[in-house]
């Protein structure tokens, strides 16, 4: 992650989609108090999220936090998403990018409830998660996927834990056929090829083209509702 987050087409495309979503409700330099839940190696919290305010990050992995420190992230905690070490009502915005699906998250419902607790009334949560359990493949084995989501299931989780769903959409729709072809190959030859995350797959000269395709979805995801895709995104407002 640390090596590829600033160059890989998927991260760059998702950054563009996230910026478009945030800009619906917030302006850069707004001075928000932001919690990046499951901050990983810290690329989001030290770059574009920091444009919107003061960002605190936490992760369950001490190794991930060491990489965050290499990025000079100032506010970090080693913690689980189901037991946050922060005061209630401390944050204006919680972001969580591809975290709740992991097997280390013992309860996605409890994690969302904890995010609600640390948000002030009217605060928002922005979630991004992998879509469709039937799309499981070698990538999921490599990154310890416990669950994948539909938009309906994600909306249900938010409503059950004190949020009004303000926006819901799939993303990475244009490249869906390519992903289906890759998964089909894995199903036909279940033990062939390397086992690893899709994000370690070097696409070489295609990187810029794929980045452009995914970035093109940003206004569609932020203003509309894509009917399917490889990821699902939601924005919820705490009641």
C-alpha atoms as a PDB file:
ATOM      1  CA  UNK A   1       0.000   0.000   0.000  1.00  0.00           C
ATOM      2  CA  UNK A   2       2.692   2.464   0.989  1.00  0.00           C
ATOM      3  CA  UNK A   3       4.535   1.923  -2.292  1.00  0.00           C
ATOM      4  CA  UNK A   4       1.571   2.281  -4.640  1.00  0.00           C
ATOM      5  CA  UNK A   5      -0.974   4.623  -2.995  1.00  0.00           C
ATOM      6  CA  UNK A   6       0.338   7.746  -4.724  1.00  0.00           C
ATOM      7  CA  UNK A   7       0.625   6.213  -8.198  1.00  0.00           C
ATOM      8  CA  UNK A   8      -1.746   3.266  -8.706  1.00  0.00           C
ATOM      9  CA  UNK A   9      -4.756   3.994 -10.912  1.00  0.00           C
ATOM     10  CA  UNK A  10      -7.283   2.626  -8.396  1.00  0.00           C
ATOM     11  CA  UNK A  11      -6.152   4.877  -5.540  1.00  0.00           C
ATOM     12  CA  UNK A  12      -6.002   7.918  -7.807  1.00  0.00           C
ATOM     13  CA  UNK A  13      -9.467   7.257  -9.197  1.00  0.00           C
ATOM     14  CA  UNK A  14     -10.990   6.713  -5.774  1.00  0.00           C
ATOM     15  CA  UNK A  15      -9.376   9.898  -4.511  1.00  0.00           C
ATOM     16  CA  UNK A  16     -11.143  11.833  -7.278  1.00  0.00           C
ATOM     17  CA  UNK A  17     -14.476  10.179  -6.455  1.00  0.00           C
ATOM     18  CA  UNK A  18     -14.031  10.925  -2.739  1.00  0.00           C
ATOM     19  CA  UNK A  19     -13.172  14.575  -3.387  1.00  0.00           C
ATOM     20  CA  UNK A  20     -16.312  15.007  -5.483  1.00  0.00           C
ATOM     21  CA  UNK A  21     -18.414  13.466  -2.728  1.00  0.00           C
ATOM     22  CA  UNK A  22     -16.883  15.598   0.019  1.00  0.00           C
ATOM     23  CA  UNK A  23     -17.355  18.749  -2.046  1.00  0.00           C
ATOM     24  CA  UNK A  24     -21.115  18.222  -2.040  1.00  0.00           C
ATOM     25  CA  UNK A  25     -21.215  19.064   1.656  1.00  0.00           C
ATOM     26  CA  UNK A  26     -17.883  20.680   2.536  1.00  0.00           C
ATOM     27  CA  UNK A  27     -15.319  23.124   1.234  1.00  0.00           C
ATOM     28  CA  UNK A  28     -11.546  22.733   1.478  1.00  0.00           C
ATOM     29  CA  UNK A  29     -10.094  24.724   4.389  1.00  0.00           C
ATOM     30  CA  UNK A  30     -13.400  24.388   6.254  1.00  0.00           C
ATOM     31  CA  UNK A  31     -11.624  23.374   9.444  1.00  0.00           C
ATOM     32  CA  UNK A  32     -13.421  20.091  10.080  1.00  0.00           C
ATOM     33  CA  UNK A  33     -12.384  17.677  12.801  1.00  0.00           C
ATOM     34  CA  UNK A  34     -11.998  14.430  10.832  1.00  0.00           C
ATOM     35  CA  UNK A  35     -11.434  10.839  11.915  1.00  0.00           C
ATOM     36  CA  UNK A  36      -9.984   8.460   9.319  1.00  0.00           C
ATOM     37  CA  UNK A  37     -11.100   5.075  10.608  1.00  0.00           C
ATOM     38  CA  UNK A  38      -8.645   2.392   9.571  1.00  0.00           C
ATOM     39  CA  UNK A  39      -6.185   4.863   8.089  1.00  0.00           C
ATOM     40  CA  UNK A  40      -3.821   2.209   6.721  1.00  0.00           C
ATOM     41  CA  UNK A  41      -0.484   3.684   5.694  1.00  0.00           C
ATOM     42  CA  UNK A  42      -1.848   7.221   5.864  1.00  0.00           C
ATOM     43  CA  UNK A  43      -1.987   8.490   2.279  1.00  0.00           C
ATOM     44  CA  UNK A  44      -5.569   9.797   2.446  1.00  0.00           C
ATOM     45  CA  UNK A  45      -5.247  11.445   5.854  1.00  0.00           C
ATOM     46  CA  UNK A  46      -2.008  13.239   4.992  1.00  0.00           C
ATOM     47  CA  UNK A  47      -3.057  14.470   1.534  1.00  0.00           C
ATOM     48  CA  UNK A  48      -6.571  15.281   0.357  1.00  0.00           C
ATOM     49  CA  UNK A  49      -8.435  14.717   3.652  1.00  0.00           C
ATOM     50  CA  UNK A  50      -6.096  17.202   5.327  1.00  0.00           C
ATOM     51  CA  UNK A  51      -7.362  19.888   2.950  1.00  0.00           C
ATOM     52  CA  UNK A  52     -10.729  19.799   4.750  1.00  0.00           C
ATOM     53  CA  UNK A  53      -9.483  20.114   8.311  1.00  0.00           C
ATOM     54  CA  UNK A  54      -7.555  18.415  11.103  1.00  0.00           C
ATOM     55  CA  UNK A  55      -7.336  14.647  10.586  1.00  0.00           C
ATOM     56  CA  UNK A  56      -6.864  12.000  13.256  1.00  0.00           C
ATOM     57  CA  UNK A  57      -6.184   8.462  12.104  1.00  0.00           C
ATOM     58  CA  UNK A  58      -6.322   5.105  13.786  1.00  0.00           C
ATOM     59  CA  UNK A  59      -5.501   1.598  12.673  1.00  0.00           C
ATOM     60  CA  UNK A  60      -5.291  -1.800  14.320  1.00  0.00           C
ATOM     61  CA  UNK A  61      -1.889  -2.465  12.720  1.00  0.00           C
ATOM     62  CA  UNK A  62       1.208  -0.984  14.418  1.00  0.00           C
ATOM     63  CA  UNK A  63       3.082  -1.554  11.147  1.00  0.00           C
ATOM     64  CA  UNK A  64       0.569   0.571   9.232  1.00  0.00           C
ATOM     65  CA  UNK A  65       0.985   3.341  11.796  1.00  0.00           C
ATOM     66  CA  UNK A  66       4.756   3.249  11.314  1.00  0.00           C
ATOM     67  CA  UNK A  67       4.184   4.013   7.634  1.00  0.00           C
ATOM     68  CA  UNK A  68       1.818   6.829   8.667  1.00  0.00           C
ATOM     69  CA  UNK A  69       4.657   8.322  10.704  1.00  0.00           C
ATOM     70  CA  UNK A  70       6.898   8.178   7.644  1.00  0.00           C
ATOM     71  CA  UNK A  71       4.265  10.437   6.032  1.00  0.00           C
ATOM     72  CA  UNK A  72       4.518  12.756   9.090  1.00  0.00           C
ATOM     73  CA  UNK A  73       0.951  12.106  10.242  1.00  0.00           C
ATOM     74  CA  UNK A  74       0.665  13.985  13.575  1.00  0.00           C
ATOM     75  CA  UNK A  75      -2.414  12.427  15.237  1.00  0.00           C
ATOM     76  CA  UNK A  76      -2.485   8.632  15.375  1.00  0.00           C
ATOM     77  CA  UNK A  77      -3.888   5.894  17.577  1.00  0.00           C
ATOM     78  CA  UNK A  78      -3.583   2.116  17.570  1.00  0.00           C
ATOM     79  CA  UNK A  79      -7.151   0.976  18.072  1.00  0.00           C
ATOM     80  CA  UNK A  80      -9.997  -1.219  16.893  1.00  0.00           C
ATOM     81  CA  UNK A  81     -12.981   0.248  15.092  1.00  0.00           C
ATOM     82  CA  UNK A  82     -15.337  -1.487  17.494  1.00  0.00           C
ATOM     83  CA  UNK A  83     -13.846   0.257  20.571  1.00  0.00           C
ATOM     84  CA  UNK A  84     -12.741   3.790  19.710  1.00  0.00           C
ATOM     85  CA  UNK A  85     -10.538   5.651  22.233  1.00  0.00           C
ATOM     86  CA  UNK A  86     -12.195   9.014  21.516  1.00  0.00           C
ATOM     87  CA  UNK A  87     -14.767  11.105  23.364  1.00  0.00           C
ATOM     88  CA  UNK A  88     -18.371  11.117  22.196  1.00  0.00           C
ATOM     89  CA  UNK A  89     -19.192  13.962  19.819  1.00  0.00           C
ATOM     90  CA  UNK A  90     -15.528  14.655  19.019  1.00  0.00           C
ATOM     91  CA  UNK A  91     -15.664  14.721  15.212  1.00  0.00           C
ATOM     92  CA  UNK A  92     -17.493  16.411  12.353  1.00  0.00           C
ATOM     93  CA  UNK A  93     -16.697  13.692   9.809  1.00  0.00           C
ATOM     94  CA  UNK A  94     -15.676  10.034   9.926  1.00  0.00           C
ATOM     95  CA  UNK A  95     -14.208   8.443   6.807  1.00  0.00           C
ATOM     96  CA  UNK A  96     -13.676   4.721   6.398  1.00  0.00           C
ATOM     97  CA  UNK A  97     -12.194   3.458   3.150  1.00  0.00           C
ATOM     98  CA  UNK A  98     -12.339  -0.305   2.576  1.00  0.00           C
ATOM     99  CA  UNK A  99     -12.054  -1.302   6.218  1.00  0.00           C
ATOM    100  CA  UNK A 100     -15.335  -2.752   7.529  1.00  0.00           C
ATOM    101  CA  UNK A 101     -15.132  -5.772   5.228  1.00  0.00           C
ATOM    102  CA  UNK A 102     -11.960  -7.078   6.917  1.00  0.00           C
ATOM    103  CA  UNK A 103     -11.975 -10.177   9.116  1.00  0.00           C
ATOM    104  CA  UNK A 104     -10.292  -8.137  11.885  1.00  0.00           C
ATOM    105  CA  UNK A 105     -13.540  -6.128  12.221  1.00  0.00           C
ATOM    106  CA  UNK A 106     -15.531  -8.476  14.426  1.00  0.00           C
ATOM    107  CA  UNK A 107     -18.794  -6.546  13.944  1.00  0.00           C
ATOM    108  CA  UNK A 108     -19.385  -4.039  11.161  1.00  0.00           C
ATOM    109  CA  UNK A 109     -22.572  -2.913  12.908  1.00  0.00           C
ATOM    110  CA  UNK A 110     -20.718  -2.148  16.150  1.00  0.00           C
ATOM    111  CA  UNK A 111     -18.005  -0.303  14.211  1.00  0.00           C
ATOM    112  CA  UNK A 112     -20.625   1.963  12.603  1.00  0.00           C
ATOM    113  CA  UNK A 113     -22.281   2.470  15.987  1.00  0.00           C
ATOM    114  CA  UNK A 114     -18.930   3.552  17.451  1.00  0.00           C
ATOM    115  CA  UNK A 115     -18.449   5.968  14.555  1.00  0.00           C
ATOM    116  CA  UNK A 116     -21.865   7.415  15.314  1.00  0.00           C
ATOM    117  CA  UNK A 117     -20.931   7.829  18.966  1.00  0.00           C
ATOM    118  CA  UNK A 118     -17.815   9.895  18.253  1.00  0.00           C
ATOM    119  CA  UNK A 119     -19.629  12.110  15.732  1.00  0.00           C
ATOM    120  CA  UNK A 120     -21.375  15.275  16.811  1.00  0.00           C
ATOM    121  CA  UNK A 121     -25.132  15.516  15.992  1.00  0.00           C
ATOM    122  CA  UNK A 122     -25.400  16.303  12.300  1.00  0.00           C
ATOM    123  CA  UNK A 123     -21.910  14.935  11.627  1.00  0.00           C
ATOM    124  CA  UNK A 124     -21.360  12.622   8.677  1.00  0.00           C
ATOM    125  CA  UNK A 125     -19.794   9.299   7.861  1.00  0.00           C
ATOM    126  CA  UNK A 126     -18.356   8.448   4.434  1.00  0.00           C
ATOM    127  CA  UNK A 127     -17.936   4.742   3.744  1.00  0.00           C
ATOM    128  CA  UNK A 128     -16.394   2.872   0.812  1.00  0.00           C
ATOM    129  CA  UNK A 129     -16.547  -0.914   0.642  1.00  0.00           C
ATOM    130  CA  UNK A 130     -16.131  -3.773  -1.856  1.00  0.00           C
ATOM    131  CA  UNK A 131     -19.349  -4.833  -3.571  1.00  0.00           C
ATOM    132  CA  UNK A 132     -21.084  -8.194  -4.031  1.00  0.00           C
ATOM    133  CA  UNK A 133     -20.141 -11.290  -2.122  1.00  0.00           C
ATOM    134  CA  UNK A 134     -20.305 -13.349  -5.325  1.00  0.00           C
ATOM    135  CA  UNK A 135     -17.306 -11.356  -6.629  1.00  0.00           C
ATOM    136  CA  UNK A 136     -14.963 -12.982  -4.122  1.00  0.00           C
ATOM    137  CA  UNK A 137     -11.614 -13.988  -5.588  1.00  0.00           C
ATOM    138  CA  UNK A 138      -7.921 -14.319  -4.840  1.00  0.00           C
ATOM    139  CA  UNK A 139      -7.786 -10.648  -3.925  1.00  0.00           C
ATOM    140  CA  UNK A 140     -10.191 -11.328  -1.044  1.00  0.00           C
ATOM    141  CA  UNK A 141      -8.018 -14.157   0.230  1.00  0.00           C
ATOM    142  CA  UNK A 142      -4.974 -11.885   0.187  1.00  0.00           C
ATOM    143  CA  UNK A 143      -6.640  -9.015   2.070  1.00  0.00           C
ATOM    144  CA  UNK A 144      -8.637 -11.186   4.520  1.00  0.00           C
ATOM    145  CA  UNK A 145     -12.118 -10.268   3.336  1.00  0.00           C
ATOM    146  CA  UNK A 146     -14.870 -11.367   5.694  1.00  0.00           C
ATOM    147  CA  UNK A 147     -17.784  -9.774   3.832  1.00  0.00           C
ATOM    148  CA  UNK A 148     -18.670  -7.774   0.730  1.00  0.00           C
ATOM    149  CA  UNK A 149     -21.656  -5.446   0.451  1.00  0.00           C
ATOM    150  CA  UNK A 150     -24.643  -4.425  -1.591  1.00  0.00           C
ATOM    151  CA  UNK A 151     -25.959  -0.870  -1.487  1.00  0.00           C
ATOM    152  CA  UNK A 152     -29.085  -2.137   0.292  1.00  0.00           C
ATOM    153  CA  UNK A 153     -27.112  -3.845   3.041  1.00  0.00           C
ATOM    154  CA  UNK A 154     -24.916  -0.782   3.574  1.00  0.00           C
ATOM    155  CA  UNK A 155     -27.953   1.509   3.798  1.00  0.00           C
ATOM    156  CA  UNK A 156     -29.543  -0.858   6.300  1.00  0.00           C
ATOM    157  CA  UNK A 157     -26.419  -0.821   8.502  1.00  0.00           C
ATOM    158  CA  UNK A 158     -26.365   2.972   8.546  1.00  0.00           C
ATOM    159  CA  UNK A 159     -30.064   3.315   9.405  1.00  0.00           C
ATOM    160  CA  UNK A 160     -29.805   0.706  12.154  1.00  0.00           C
ATOM    161  CA  UNK A 161     -27.026   2.685  13.821  1.00  0.00           C
ATOM    162  CA  UNK A 162     -28.399   6.200  13.927  1.00  0.00           C
ATOM    163  CA  UNK A 163     -27.795   7.625  10.445  1.00  0.00           C
ATOM    164  CA  UNK A 164     -29.913   9.105   7.695  1.00  0.00           C
ATOM    165  CA  UNK A 165     -28.598   7.949   4.329  1.00  0.00           C
ATOM    166  CA  UNK A 166     -27.839  11.061   2.288  1.00  0.00           C
ATOM    167  CA  UNK A 167     -26.113   9.416  -0.651  1.00  0.00           C
ATOM    168  CA  UNK A 168     -25.610   5.895  -1.944  1.00  0.00           C
ATOM    169  CA  UNK A 169     -23.955   4.685  -5.137  1.00  0.00           C
ATOM    170  CA  UNK A 170     -21.835   1.982  -6.642  1.00  0.00           C
ATOM    171  CA  UNK A 171     -18.505   2.944  -8.228  1.00  0.00           C
ATOM    172  CA  UNK A 172     -15.992   1.447 -10.647  1.00  0.00           C
ATOM    173  CA  UNK A 173     -18.782   0.521 -13.054  1.00  0.00           C
ATOM    174  CA  UNK A 174     -16.998   1.191 -16.352  1.00  0.00           C
ATOM    175  CA  UNK A 175     -14.288  -1.365 -15.556  1.00  0.00           C
ATOM    176  CA  UNK A 176     -16.725  -3.952 -14.192  1.00  0.00           C
ATOM    177  CA  UNK A 177     -16.486  -6.202 -17.302  1.00  0.00           C
ATOM    178  CA  UNK A 178     -12.707  -6.447 -16.956  1.00  0.00           C
ATOM    179  CA  UNK A 179     -13.037  -7.431 -13.314  1.00  0.00           C
ATOM    180  CA  UNK A 180     -15.632 -10.052 -14.193  1.00  0.00           C
ATOM    181  CA  UNK A 181     -13.259 -11.497 -16.796  1.00  0.00           C
ATOM    182  CA  UNK A 182     -10.479 -11.706 -14.210  1.00  0.00           C
ATOM    183  CA  UNK A 183     -12.754 -13.408 -11.676  1.00  0.00           C
ATOM    184  CA  UNK A 184     -14.050 -15.822 -14.334  1.00  0.00           C
ATOM    185  CA  UNK A 185     -10.480 -16.815 -15.111  1.00  0.00           C
ATOM    186  CA  UNK A 186      -9.872 -17.476 -11.404  1.00  0.00           C
ATOM    187  CA  UNK A 187     -13.007 -19.632 -11.175  1.00  0.00           C
ATOM    188  CA  UNK A 188     -12.063 -21.663 -14.253  1.00  0.00           C
ATOM    189  CA  UNK A 189      -8.458 -22.125 -13.108  1.00  0.00           C
ATOM    190  CA  UNK A 190      -8.865 -21.961  -9.313  1.00  0.00           C
ATOM    191  CA  UNK A 191      -5.254 -22.825  -8.463  1.00  0.00           C
ATOM    192  CA  UNK A 192      -3.513 -21.033 -11.311  1.00  0.00           C
ATOM    193  CA  UNK A 193      -1.468 -17.855 -11.128  1.00  0.00           C
ATOM    194  CA  UNK A 194      -0.281 -15.908  -8.132  1.00  0.00           C
ATOM    195  CA  UNK A 195      -2.388 -15.370  -5.048  1.00  0.00           C
ATOM    196  CA  UNK A 196      -2.301 -11.702  -4.153  1.00  0.00           C
ATOM    197  CA  UNK A 197      -4.153  -8.430  -3.961  1.00  0.00           C
ATOM    198  CA  UNK A 198      -5.426  -6.960  -7.221  1.00  0.00           C
ATOM    199  CA  UNK A 199      -3.615  -3.763  -6.249  1.00  0.00           C
ATOM    200  CA  UNK A 200      -0.242  -5.494  -6.552  1.00  0.00           C
ATOM    201  CA  UNK A 201      -0.962  -6.336 -10.191  1.00  0.00           C
ATOM    202  CA  UNK A 202       1.287  -4.145 -12.349  1.00  0.00           C
ATOM    203  CA  UNK A 203      -0.697  -2.837 -15.325  1.00  0.00           C
ATOM    204  CA  UNK A 204       2.280  -0.920 -16.712  1.00  0.00           C
ATOM    205  CA  UNK A 205       1.444   1.561 -19.464  1.00  0.00           C
ATOM    206  CA  UNK A 206      -2.291   1.008 -18.905  1.00  0.00           C
ATOM    207  CA  UNK A 207      -2.112   2.687 -15.501  1.00  0.00           C
ATOM    208  CA  UNK A 208      -2.864   6.174 -16.852  1.00  0.00           C
ATOM    209  CA  UNK A 209      -5.727   4.952 -19.038  1.00  0.00           C
ATOM    210  CA  UNK A 210      -7.381   3.071 -16.174  1.00  0.00           C
ATOM    211  CA  UNK A 211      -6.922   6.097 -13.916  1.00  0.00           C
ATOM    212  CA  UNK A 212      -8.678   8.299 -16.481  1.00  0.00           C
ATOM    213  CA  UNK A 213     -11.598   5.876 -16.799  1.00  0.00           C
ATOM    214  CA  UNK A 214     -12.161   5.645 -13.045  1.00  0.00           C
ATOM    215  CA  UNK A 215     -11.800   9.393 -12.535  1.00  0.00           C
ATOM    216  CA  UNK A 216     -14.496   9.936 -15.179  1.00  0.00           C
ATOM    217  CA  UNK A 217     -16.998   8.322 -12.811  1.00  0.00           C
ATOM    218  CA  UNK A 218     -16.429  10.905 -10.066  1.00  0.00           C
ATOM    219  CA  UNK A 219     -19.222  13.362 -11.021  1.00  0.00           C
ATOM    220  CA  UNK A 220     -21.599  10.468 -11.748  1.00  0.00           C
ATOM    221  CA  UNK A 221     -21.001   8.808  -8.378  1.00  0.00           C
ATOM    222  CA  UNK A 222     -21.216  12.051  -6.401  1.00  0.00           C
ATOM    223  CA  UNK A 223     -24.356  13.422  -8.046  1.00  0.00           C
ATOM    224  CA  UNK A 224     -26.219  10.318  -9.121  1.00  0.00           C
ATOM    225  CA  UNK A 225     -26.497   6.624  -8.415  1.00  0.00           C
ATOM    226  CA  UNK A 226     -24.544   4.128 -10.480  1.00  0.00           C
ATOM    227  CA  UNK A 227     -26.589   0.907 -10.548  1.00  0.00           C
ATOM    228  CA  UNK A 228     -23.631  -1.483 -10.117  1.00  0.00           C
ATOM    229  CA  UNK A 229     -19.886  -1.485  -9.678  1.00  0.00           C
ATOM    230  CA  UNK A 230     -16.951  -3.042  -7.885  1.00  0.00           C
ATOM    231  CA  UNK A 231     -17.280  -0.715  -4.881  1.00  0.00           C
ATOM    232  CA  UNK A 232     -20.199   0.784  -2.999  1.00  0.00           C
ATOM    233  CA  UNK A 233     -20.106   4.206  -1.314  1.00  0.00           C
ATOM    234  CA  UNK A 234     -22.432   5.810   1.164  1.00  0.00           C
ATOM    235  CA  UNK A 235     -22.745   9.083   3.049  1.00  0.00           C
ATOM    236  CA  UNK A 236     -24.774   9.084   6.246  1.00  0.00           C
ATOM    237  CA  UNK A 237     -25.711  11.949   8.559  1.00  0.00           C
ATOM    238  CA  UNK A 238     -26.009  11.343  12.287  1.00  0.00           C
ATOM    239  CA  UNK A 239     -29.506  12.012  13.565  1.00  0.00           C
END
